[in-house]
Amino acid sequence: MRLTCLVDDNSGTANPLHSISKAPGNFLAEHGLSILIETDRGKKVLLDTGSSKETFQHNLELVGLRPKDIDLVFISHGHYDHLGALPVLLREGVPVHTHPLTFQGRRFVETSGVRKEIGPSAELLSLLKENPPVYDDRPKELVTDVSTSGEVFRRTDFEKPVSFLIERNGETAQDIIKEEQALYLSTRNGLVVLTGCGHPGIVNILTQAQMSTGRKLLMAAGGFHMWKADADVLLKTMDGVKRTGVSKVAPMHCTGFAATKTFSDRFPGFLLLGAGCSMEL
């Protein structure tokens, strides 16, 4: 199985020591995430699509693929930085899988009293009416060795989304991003857990993976959404992740510099992945 980061906040570099390679070319970075999974049976599964069509298509071309080469797309949750190139894939007839609540309601983030809409575009919502996704909130195998986590149970008291709002039926409420799910990749060396933003909490996500599968956790990779986390939350998160016994961590996207550095300091299996980076699992 091969993992390739197509879109991330940073453009990555090769690291032969950790078996991380990088395709030639000038990969673009943007605030968003898209990870390509190529299974041993030749299936190409995409986790999320970054923030923009331009960056996604540019980087996809650099790895020698076209949108129609993708077998299916899994959307982790309904924020713009994971939905940008989804219209391109829908127009190519690529099947989409996600939670029933992913495209329900208007999404906002509020900072210093200013609200910014961060949900799907009008173009995307229109296309979804013509090309409805497969909706499921339960664990599900997408293809052999690639499964969804199902809805994540919130166990910790320190991993709570803040500043997010949702408007449904004319009412606005705090948004806990209930729909966000992770992907589980089954490898001969253990389970790989991929997260979009990790809004349910990386400790919650890994704990659920461990409890529901009984598998050894090989790696956690993706957004851990800790860019605003204070020192106390950082330390509780590090302790919680360590207790799961995961061997490798690859914080990406919205994890933030301070949290990424803390992971690199505390985990011998720390990996730095960015746009264009690939690794065999």
C-alpha atoms as a PDB file:
ATOM      1  CA  MET A   1       0.000   0.000   0.000  1.00  0.00           C
ATOM      2  CA  ARG A   2       1.260   3.460  -0.903  1.00  0.00           C
ATOM      3  CA  LEU A   3       0.368   6.780   0.701  1.00  0.00           C
ATOM      4  CA  THR A   4       0.856  10.099  -1.142  1.00  0.00           C
ATOM      5  CA  CYS A   5       0.144  13.563   0.217  1.00  0.00           C
ATOM      6  CA  LEU A   6      -1.412  15.552  -2.629  1.00  0.00           C
ATOM      7  CA  VAL A   7      -2.331  18.708  -0.689  1.00  0.00           C
ATOM      8  CA  ASP A   8      -1.059  20.062   2.614  1.00  0.00           C
ATOM      9  CA  ASP A   9      -0.228  23.405   4.208  1.00  0.00           C
ATOM     10  CA  ASN A  10       3.433  22.660   3.439  1.00  0.00           C
ATOM     11  CA  SER A  11       5.279  21.280   0.457  1.00  0.00           C
ATOM     12  CA  GLY A  12       7.276  18.293   1.652  1.00  0.00           C
ATOM     13  CA  THR A  13      10.793  16.995   1.080  1.00  0.00           C
ATOM     14  CA  ALA A  14      12.133  13.488   0.596  1.00  0.00           C
ATOM     15  CA  ASN A  15      13.612  11.695   3.610  1.00  0.00           C
ATOM     16  CA  PRO A  16      15.358   8.420   2.650  1.00  0.00           C
ATOM     17  CA  LEU A  17      15.978   7.652   6.341  1.00  0.00           C
ATOM     18  CA  HIS A  18      12.217   7.231   6.834  1.00  0.00           C
ATOM     19  CA  SER A  19      11.505   5.849   3.333  1.00  0.00           C
ATOM     20  CA  ILE A  20       9.748   9.069   2.295  1.00  0.00           C
ATOM     21  CA  SER A  21      10.132   9.902  -1.392  1.00  0.00           C
ATOM     22  CA  LYS A  22       8.977  12.885  -3.414  1.00  0.00           C
ATOM     23  CA  ALA A  23       7.982  13.068  -7.054  1.00  0.00           C
ATOM     24  CA  PRO A  24       9.829  15.613  -9.232  1.00  0.00           C
ATOM     25  CA  GLY A  25       8.198  18.982  -9.874  1.00  0.00           C
ATOM     26  CA  ASN A  26       7.083  22.076  -8.012  1.00  0.00           C
ATOM     27  CA  PHE A  27       4.270  20.975  -5.723  1.00  0.00           C
ATOM     28  CA  LEU A  28       1.939  23.681  -4.473  1.00  0.00           C
ATOM     29  CA  ALA A  29       0.933  24.067  -0.832  1.00  0.00           C
ATOM     30  CA  GLU A  30      -2.281  25.546   0.543  1.00  0.00           C
ATOM     31  CA  HIS A  31      -4.352  25.436   3.708  1.00  0.00           C
ATOM     32  CA  GLY A  32      -6.040  22.119   3.092  1.00  0.00           C
ATOM     33  CA  LEU A  33      -5.544  18.379   2.963  1.00  0.00           C
ATOM     34  CA  SER A  34      -5.781  15.608   0.399  1.00  0.00           C
ATOM     35  CA  ILE A  35      -4.173  12.183   0.764  1.00  0.00           C
ATOM     36  CA  LEU A  36      -4.083   9.488  -1.917  1.00  0.00           C
ATOM     37  CA  ILE A  37      -4.150   5.822  -0.906  1.00  0.00           C
ATOM     38  CA  GLU A  38      -3.080   3.263  -3.500  1.00  0.00           C
ATOM     39  CA  THR A  39      -3.925  -0.233  -2.314  1.00  0.00           C
ATOM     40  CA  ASP A  40      -2.101  -3.462  -3.084  1.00  0.00           C
ATOM     41  CA  ARG A  41      -5.037  -4.409  -5.305  1.00  0.00           C
ATOM     42  CA  GLY A  42      -4.639  -1.294  -7.435  1.00  0.00           C
ATOM     43  CA  LYS A  43      -7.466   0.819  -6.028  1.00  0.00           C
ATOM     44  CA  LYS A  44      -6.968   4.577  -5.696  1.00  0.00           C
ATOM     45  CA  VAL A  45      -8.870   6.070  -2.766  1.00  0.00           C
ATOM     46  CA  LEU A  46      -8.758   9.759  -1.915  1.00  0.00           C
ATOM     47  CA  LEU A  47      -9.170  11.278   1.539  1.00  0.00           C
ATOM     48  CA  ASP A  48     -10.436  14.849   1.013  1.00  0.00           C
ATOM     49  CA  THR A  49      -9.597  17.215  -1.848  1.00  0.00           C
ATOM     50  CA  GLY A  50      -7.794  20.304  -0.491  1.00  0.00           C
ATOM     51  CA  SER A  51      -9.027  23.892  -0.715  1.00  0.00           C
ATOM     52  CA  SER A  52      -8.855  24.567  -4.442  1.00  0.00           C
ATOM     53  CA  LYS A  53      -9.232  22.858  -7.789  1.00  0.00           C
ATOM     54  CA  GLU A  54      -6.055  24.497  -9.064  1.00  0.00           C
ATOM     55  CA  THR A  55      -3.691  23.171  -6.388  1.00  0.00           C
ATOM     56  CA  PHE A  56      -5.266  19.707  -6.374  1.00  0.00           C
ATOM     57  CA  GLN A  57      -5.145  19.281 -10.151  1.00  0.00           C
ATOM     58  CA  HIS A  58      -1.614  20.677 -10.419  1.00  0.00           C
ATOM     59  CA  ASN A  59      -0.267  18.297  -7.765  1.00  0.00           C
ATOM     60  CA  LEU A  60      -2.276  15.315  -9.044  1.00  0.00           C
ATOM     61  CA  GLU A  61      -0.763  15.819 -12.486  1.00  0.00           C
ATOM     62  CA  LEU A  62       2.752  15.845 -10.968  1.00  0.00           C
ATOM     63  CA  VAL A  63       2.188  12.325  -9.625  1.00  0.00           C
ATOM     64  CA  GLY A  64       1.024  11.203 -13.069  1.00  0.00           C
ATOM     65  CA  LEU A  65      -2.710  10.944 -12.436  1.00  0.00           C
ATOM     66  CA  ARG A  66      -5.948  12.518 -13.668  1.00  0.00           C
ATOM     67  CA  PRO A  67      -9.164  13.021 -11.683  1.00  0.00           C
ATOM     68  CA  LYS A  68     -10.861  10.158 -13.550  1.00  0.00           C
ATOM     69  CA  ASP A  69      -8.129   7.783 -12.315  1.00  0.00           C
ATOM     70  CA  ILE A  70      -9.501   8.020  -8.762  1.00  0.00           C
ATOM     71  CA  ASP A  71     -11.771   5.113  -7.790  1.00  0.00           C
ATOM     72  CA  LEU A  72     -13.551   6.847  -4.910  1.00  0.00           C
ATOM     73  CA  VAL A  73     -13.355   9.847  -2.602  1.00  0.00           C
ATOM     74  CA  PHE A  74     -13.971   9.847   1.132  1.00  0.00           C
ATOM     75  CA  ILE A  75     -14.813  13.263   2.611  1.00  0.00           C
ATOM     76  CA  SER A  76     -13.918  13.457   6.297  1.00  0.00           C
ATOM     77  CA  HIS A  77     -16.094  16.482   7.123  1.00  0.00           C
ATOM     78  CA  GLY A  78     -17.804  19.508   5.620  1.00  0.00           C
ATOM     79  CA  HIS A  79     -15.227  22.326   5.707  1.00  0.00           C
ATOM     80  CA  TYR A  80     -13.993  24.134   2.584  1.00  0.00           C
ATOM     81  CA  ASP A  81     -10.332  23.164   3.027  1.00  0.00           C
ATOM     82  CA  HIS A  82     -11.287  19.525   2.379  1.00  0.00           C
ATOM     83  CA  LEU A  83     -13.867  20.105  -0.371  1.00  0.00           C
ATOM     84  CA  GLY A  84     -12.140  22.400  -2.883  1.00  0.00           C
ATOM     85  CA  ALA A  85     -11.604  19.969  -5.765  1.00  0.00           C
ATOM     86  CA  LEU A  86     -14.652  17.797  -5.113  1.00  0.00           C
ATOM     87  CA  PRO A  87     -16.599  19.414  -8.017  1.00  0.00           C
ATOM     88  CA  VAL A  88     -13.857  18.257 -10.413  1.00  0.00           C
ATOM     89  CA  LEU A  89     -14.175  14.668  -9.209  1.00  0.00           C
ATOM     90  CA  LEU A  90     -17.983  14.716  -9.223  1.00  0.00           C
ATOM     91  CA  ARG A  91     -17.967  15.864 -12.851  1.00  0.00           C
ATOM     92  CA  GLU A  92     -15.791  12.855 -13.669  1.00  0.00           C
ATOM     93  CA  GLY A  93     -18.308  10.545 -12.020  1.00  0.00           C
ATOM     94  CA  VAL A  94     -16.041   9.554  -9.121  1.00  0.00           C
ATOM     95  CA  PRO A  95     -18.131   8.068  -6.274  1.00  0.00           C
ATOM     96  CA  VAL A  96     -18.139  10.032  -2.995  1.00  0.00           C
ATOM     97  CA  HIS A  97     -18.597   8.571   0.501  1.00  0.00           C
ATOM     98  CA  THR A  98     -19.207  10.615   3.651  1.00  0.00           C
ATOM     99  CA  HIS A  99     -21.324  11.080   6.803  1.00  0.00           C
ATOM    100  CA  PRO A 100     -25.017  12.055   6.400  1.00  0.00           C
ATOM    101  CA  LEU A 101     -24.401  15.420   8.143  1.00  0.00           C
ATOM    102  CA  THR A 102     -21.367  16.513   6.092  1.00  0.00           C
ATOM    103  CA  PHE A 103     -23.289  18.825   3.761  1.00  0.00           C
ATOM    104  CA  GLN A 104     -26.124  19.785   6.115  1.00  0.00           C
ATOM    105  CA  GLY A 105     -26.349  23.395   7.338  1.00  0.00           C
ATOM    106  CA  ARG A 106     -24.121  26.441   6.933  1.00  0.00           C
ATOM    107  CA  ARG A 107     -20.715  26.302   8.627  1.00  0.00           C
ATOM    108  CA  PHE A 108     -18.881  29.229  10.225  1.00  0.00           C
ATOM    109  CA  VAL A 109     -15.758  29.924  12.224  1.00  0.00           C
ATOM    110  CA  GLU A 110     -15.806  32.927  14.553  1.00  0.00           C
ATOM    111  CA  THR A 111     -12.615  34.731  15.545  1.00  0.00           C
ATOM    112  CA  SER A 112     -12.586  37.981  17.553  1.00  0.00           C
ATOM    113  CA  GLY A 113     -16.285  38.441  16.870  1.00  0.00           C
ATOM    114  CA  VAL A 114     -15.903  38.052  13.095  1.00  0.00           C
ATOM    115  CA  ARG A 115     -17.672  35.167  11.368  1.00  0.00           C
ATOM    116  CA  LYS A 116     -16.349  33.501   8.241  1.00  0.00           C
ATOM    117  CA  GLU A 117     -18.338  30.957   6.262  1.00  0.00           C
ATOM    118  CA  ILE A 118     -16.319  27.765   5.812  1.00  0.00           C
ATOM    119  CA  GLY A 119     -18.827  25.287   4.384  1.00  0.00           C
ATOM    120  CA  PRO A 120     -19.330  23.868   0.885  1.00  0.00           C
ATOM    121  CA  SER A 121     -19.639  26.224  -2.081  1.00  0.00           C
ATOM    122  CA  ALA A 122     -22.899  26.824  -3.961  1.00  0.00           C
ATOM    123  CA  GLU A 123     -21.340  25.088  -6.976  1.00  0.00           C
ATOM    124  CA  LEU A 124     -20.605  21.980  -4.925  1.00  0.00           C
ATOM    125  CA  LEU A 125     -24.062  21.845  -3.337  1.00  0.00           C
ATOM    126  CA  SER A 126     -25.634  22.050  -6.782  1.00  0.00           C
ATOM    127  CA  LEU A 127     -23.469  19.218  -8.106  1.00  0.00           C
ATOM    128  CA  LEU A 128     -24.258  17.059  -5.074  1.00  0.00           C
ATOM    129  CA  LYS A 129     -27.962  17.179  -5.947  1.00  0.00           C
ATOM    130  CA  GLU A 130     -27.156  15.624  -9.316  1.00  0.00           C
ATOM    131  CA  ASN A 131     -24.495  13.262  -7.939  1.00  0.00           C
ATOM    132  CA  PRO A 132     -25.528  12.289  -4.392  1.00  0.00           C
ATOM    133  CA  PRO A 133     -22.821  10.719  -2.212  1.00  0.00           C
ATOM    134  CA  VAL A 134     -23.075   7.436  -0.372  1.00  0.00           C
ATOM    135  CA  TYR A 135     -23.906   8.451   3.207  1.00  0.00           C
ATOM    136  CA  ASP A 136     -23.059   6.390   6.280  1.00  0.00           C
ATOM    137  CA  ASP A 137     -22.233   7.165   9.923  1.00  0.00           C
ATOM    138  CA  ARG A 138     -21.215   3.587  10.740  1.00  0.00           C
ATOM    139  CA  PRO A 139     -17.879   1.840  10.164  1.00  0.00           C
ATOM    140  CA  LYS A 140     -17.722   0.620   6.586  1.00  0.00           C
ATOM    141  CA  GLU A 141     -15.200  -1.033   4.277  1.00  0.00           C
ATOM    142  CA  LEU A 142     -14.745   1.168   1.204  1.00  0.00           C
ATOM    143  CA  VAL A 143     -12.365  -1.197  -0.613  1.00  0.00           C
ATOM    144  CA  THR A 144     -10.241  -4.089   0.622  1.00  0.00           C
ATOM    145  CA  ASP A 145      -7.968  -2.847   3.459  1.00  0.00           C
ATOM    146  CA  VAL A 146      -9.527   0.655   3.579  1.00  0.00           C
ATOM    147  CA  SER A 147     -12.381   1.291   6.034  1.00  0.00           C
ATOM    148  CA  THR A 148     -14.091   4.213   7.717  1.00  0.00           C
ATOM    149  CA  SER A 149     -14.075   4.712  11.485  1.00  0.00           C
ATOM    150  CA  GLY A 150     -17.737   5.557  11.705  1.00  0.00           C
ATOM    151  CA  GLU A 151     -18.800   8.421  13.945  1.00  0.00           C
ATOM    152  CA  VAL A 152     -16.181   9.084  16.631  1.00  0.00           C
ATOM    153  CA  PHE A 153     -17.223   8.812  20.274  1.00  0.00           C
ATOM    154  CA  ARG A 154     -15.939  11.766  22.348  1.00  0.00           C
ATOM    155  CA  ARG A 155     -14.323  10.403  25.514  1.00  0.00           C
ATOM    156  CA  THR A 156     -11.815  13.078  26.568  1.00  0.00           C
ATOM    157  CA  ASP A 157     -12.681  16.356  28.276  1.00  0.00           C
ATOM    158  CA  PHE A 158      -9.858  18.365  26.683  1.00  0.00           C
ATOM    159  CA  GLU A 159     -10.476  17.696  22.965  1.00  0.00           C
ATOM    160  CA  LYS A 160     -13.381  19.995  22.156  1.00  0.00           C
ATOM    161  CA  PRO A 161     -13.812  22.020  18.950  1.00  0.00           C
ATOM    162  CA  VAL A 162     -14.111  25.734  19.666  1.00  0.00           C
ATOM    163  CA  SER A 163     -15.040  28.767  17.556  1.00  0.00           C
ATOM    164  CA  PHE A 164     -17.115  26.711  15.113  1.00  0.00           C
ATOM    165  CA  LEU A 165     -20.800  27.433  14.481  1.00  0.00           C
ATOM    166  CA  ILE A 166     -23.501  25.746  12.438  1.00  0.00           C
ATOM    167  CA  GLU A 167     -26.762  27.178  11.154  1.00  0.00           C
ATOM    168  CA  ARG A 168     -29.621  24.749  10.574  1.00  0.00           C
ATOM    169  CA  ASN A 169     -33.333  25.476  10.240  1.00  0.00           C
ATOM    170  CA  GLY A 170     -32.729  29.151  10.977  1.00  0.00           C
ATOM    171  CA  GLU A 171     -30.966  28.489  14.281  1.00  0.00           C
ATOM    172  CA  THR A 172     -27.251  28.885  15.024  1.00  0.00           C
ATOM    173  CA  ALA A 173     -25.453  26.656  17.524  1.00  0.00           C
ATOM    174  CA  GLN A 174     -21.969  25.525  18.457  1.00  0.00           C
ATOM    175  CA  ASP A 175     -20.652  23.047  15.914  1.00  0.00           C
ATOM    176  CA  ILE A 176     -18.781  20.037  17.290  1.00  0.00           C
ATOM    177  CA  ILE A 177     -18.288  18.739  13.718  1.00  0.00           C
ATOM    178  CA  LYS A 178     -20.123  15.562  14.645  1.00  0.00           C
ATOM    179  CA  GLU A 179     -19.728  14.147  11.148  1.00  0.00           C
ATOM    180  CA  GLU A 180     -15.947  13.894  11.040  1.00  0.00           C
ATOM    181  CA  GLN A 181     -14.742  10.338  10.488  1.00  0.00           C
ATOM    182  CA  ALA A 182     -11.270   8.876   9.996  1.00  0.00           C
ATOM    183  CA  LEU A 183      -9.963   6.194   7.648  1.00  0.00           C
ATOM    184  CA  TYR A 184      -8.363   2.922   8.738  1.00  0.00           C
ATOM    185  CA  LEU A 185      -5.771   1.307   6.477  1.00  0.00           C
ATOM    186  CA  SER A 186      -5.010  -2.324   7.224  1.00  0.00           C
ATOM    187  CA  THR A 187      -1.342  -3.195   6.626  1.00  0.00           C
ATOM    188  CA  ARG A 188       0.755  -6.233   7.502  1.00  0.00           C
ATOM    189  CA  ASN A 189       2.534  -4.171  10.176  1.00  0.00           C
ATOM    190  CA  GLY A 190      -0.553  -2.755  11.847  1.00  0.00           C
ATOM    191  CA  LEU A 191      -3.333  -0.199  11.424  1.00  0.00           C
ATOM    192  CA  VAL A 192      -2.754   3.227   9.857  1.00  0.00           C
ATOM    193  CA  VAL A 193      -5.250   5.912  10.918  1.00  0.00           C
ATOM    194  CA  LEU A 194      -5.766   8.905   8.623  1.00  0.00           C
ATOM    195  CA  THR A 195      -7.533  12.030   9.854  1.00  0.00           C
ATOM    196  CA  GLY A 196      -8.885  15.037   7.981  1.00  0.00           C
ATOM    197  CA  CYS A 197      -8.706  17.701  10.700  1.00  0.00           C
ATOM    198  CA  GLY A 198      -9.040  15.569  13.800  1.00  0.00           C
ATOM    199  CA  HIS A 199     -11.812  17.749  15.238  1.00  0.00           C
ATOM    200  CA  PRO A 200     -13.127  14.871  17.410  1.00  0.00           C
ATOM    201  CA  GLY A 201      -9.650  14.764  19.009  1.00  0.00           C
ATOM    202  CA  ILE A 202      -6.700  12.640  17.939  1.00  0.00           C
ATOM    203  CA  VAL A 203      -6.753  10.773  21.273  1.00  0.00           C
ATOM    204  CA  ASN A 204     -10.445   9.948  20.806  1.00  0.00           C
ATOM    205  CA  ILE A 205      -9.843   8.855  17.219  1.00  0.00           C
ATOM    206  CA  LEU A 206      -6.914   6.572  18.047  1.00  0.00           C
ATOM    207  CA  THR A 207      -8.634   5.145  21.140  1.00  0.00           C
ATOM    208  CA  GLN A 208     -11.670   4.226  19.056  1.00  0.00           C
ATOM    209  CA  ALA A 209      -9.481   2.668  16.359  1.00  0.00           C
ATOM    210  CA  GLN A 210      -7.749   0.547  18.967  1.00  0.00           C
ATOM    211  CA  MET A 211     -10.955  -0.523  20.709  1.00  0.00           C
ATOM    212  CA  SER A 212     -12.987  -1.250  17.584  1.00  0.00           C
ATOM    213  CA  THR A 213     -10.349  -3.170  15.628  1.00  0.00           C
ATOM    214  CA  GLY A 214      -8.091  -4.706  18.303  1.00  0.00           C
ATOM    215  CA  ARG A 215      -5.188  -4.024  15.946  1.00  0.00           C
ATOM    216  CA  LYS A 216      -1.764  -2.615  16.784  1.00  0.00           C
ATOM    217  CA  LEU A 217      -1.615   1.043  15.726  1.00  0.00           C
ATOM    218  CA  LEU A 218       1.223   1.556  13.281  1.00  0.00           C
ATOM    219  CA  MET A 219       0.739   5.218  12.340  1.00  0.00           C
ATOM    220  CA  ALA A 220      -1.504   8.241  12.725  1.00  0.00           C
ATOM    221  CA  ALA A 221      -1.303  10.828   9.946  1.00  0.00           C
ATOM    222  CA  GLY A 222      -3.287  13.888   8.891  1.00  0.00           C
ATOM    223  CA  GLY A 223      -4.651  17.008  10.535  1.00  0.00           C
ATOM    224  CA  PHE A 224      -4.729  16.946  14.347  1.00  0.00           C
ATOM    225  CA  HIS A 225      -6.202  20.486  14.672  1.00  0.00           C
ATOM    226  CA  MET A 226      -4.043  21.712  17.541  1.00  0.00           C
ATOM    227  CA  TRP A 227      -2.847  25.054  16.212  1.00  0.00           C
ATOM    228  CA  LYS A 228      -4.687  26.875  19.017  1.00  0.00           C
ATOM    229  CA  ALA A 229      -4.008  24.320  21.767  1.00  0.00           C
ATOM    230  CA  ASP A 230      -2.492  25.629  24.988  1.00  0.00           C
ATOM    231  CA  ALA A 231       0.413  23.935  26.803  1.00  0.00           C
ATOM    232  CA  ASP A 232      -1.848  21.899  29.088  1.00  0.00           C
ATOM    233  CA  VAL A 233      -3.858  20.472  26.182  1.00  0.00           C
ATOM    234  CA  LEU A 234      -0.656  19.733  24.269  1.00  0.00           C
ATOM    235  CA  LEU A 235       0.736  17.674  27.127  1.00  0.00           C
ATOM    236  CA  LYS A 236      -2.531  15.822  27.762  1.00  0.00           C
ATOM    237  CA  THR A 237      -2.714  15.021  24.057  1.00  0.00           C
ATOM    238  CA  MET A 238       0.860  13.724  23.940  1.00  0.00           C
ATOM    239  CA  ASP A 239       0.187  11.480  26.940  1.00  0.00           C
ATOM    240  CA  GLY A 240      -3.069  10.232  25.448  1.00  0.00           C
ATOM    241  CA  VAL A 241      -1.504   9.441  22.079  1.00  0.00           C
ATOM    242  CA  LYS A 242       1.406   7.646  23.760  1.00  0.00           C
ATOM    243  CA  ARG A 243      -1.018   5.457  25.718  1.00  0.00           C
ATOM    244  CA  THR A 244      -2.473   4.128  22.462  1.00  0.00           C
ATOM    245  CA  GLY A 245       0.945   2.693  21.608  1.00  0.00           C
ATOM    246  CA  VAL A 246       0.981   4.134  18.083  1.00  0.00           C
ATOM    247  CA  SER A 247       4.456   3.697  16.568  1.00  0.00           C
ATOM    248  CA  LYS A 248       4.586   6.623  14.115  1.00  0.00           C
ATOM    249  CA  VAL A 249       2.936  10.038  13.939  1.00  0.00           C
ATOM    250  CA  ALA A 250       2.753  12.382  10.958  1.00  0.00           C
ATOM    251  CA  PRO A 251       1.005  15.607  12.048  1.00  0.00           C
ATOM    252  CA  MET A 252      -0.133  17.626   9.018  1.00  0.00           C
ATOM    253  CA  HIS A 253      -2.385  20.445   7.828  1.00  0.00           C
ATOM    254  CA  CYS A 254      -4.026  22.159  10.844  1.00  0.00           C
ATOM    255  CA  THR A 255      -1.869  20.625  13.576  1.00  0.00           C
ATOM    256  CA  GLY A 256       0.128  23.840  13.982  1.00  0.00           C
ATOM    257  CA  PHE A 257       3.836  24.474  14.524  1.00  0.00           C
ATOM    258  CA  ALA A 258       3.923  24.226  18.328  1.00  0.00           C
ATOM    259  CA  ALA A 259       2.069  20.905  18.388  1.00  0.00           C
ATOM    260  CA  THR A 260       4.101  19.522  15.484  1.00  0.00           C
ATOM    261  CA  LYS A 261       7.325  20.400  17.289  1.00  0.00           C
ATOM    262  CA  THR A 262       6.048  18.783  20.479  1.00  0.00           C
ATOM    263  CA  PHE A 263       5.230  15.589  18.584  1.00  0.00           C
ATOM    264  CA  SER A 264       8.692  15.631  17.006  1.00  0.00           C
ATOM    265  CA  ASP A 265      10.304  16.051  20.445  1.00  0.00           C
ATOM    266  CA  ARG A 266       8.326  13.279  22.134  1.00  0.00           C
ATOM    267  CA  PHE A 267       7.835  10.608  19.465  1.00  0.00           C
ATOM    268  CA  PRO A 268      10.822   8.738  17.986  1.00  0.00           C
ATOM    269  CA  GLY A 269       8.524   7.681  15.155  1.00  0.00           C
ATOM    270  CA  PHE A 270       7.783  11.275  14.093  1.00  0.00           C
ATOM    271  CA  LEU A 271       7.419  11.765  10.316  1.00  0.00           C
ATOM    272  CA  LEU A 272       7.247  15.029   8.378  1.00  0.00           C
ATOM    273  CA  LEU A 273       4.942  14.700   5.368  1.00  0.00           C
ATOM    274  CA  GLY A 274       3.962  17.465   2.983  1.00  0.00           C
ATOM    275  CA  ALA A 275       2.591  17.909  -0.536  1.00  0.00           C
ATOM    276  CA  GLY A 276       4.313  15.543  -2.943  1.00  0.00           C
ATOM    277  CA  CYS A 277       5.609  13.117  -0.299  1.00  0.00           C
ATOM    278  CA  SER A 278       4.974   9.380  -0.660  1.00  0.00           C
ATOM    279  CA  MET A 279       5.694   6.360   1.476  1.00  0.00           C
ATOM    280  CA  GLU A 280       5.123   2.630   1.271  1.00  0.00           C
ATOM    281  CA  LEU A 281       3.204   1.108   4.176  1.00  0.00           C
END
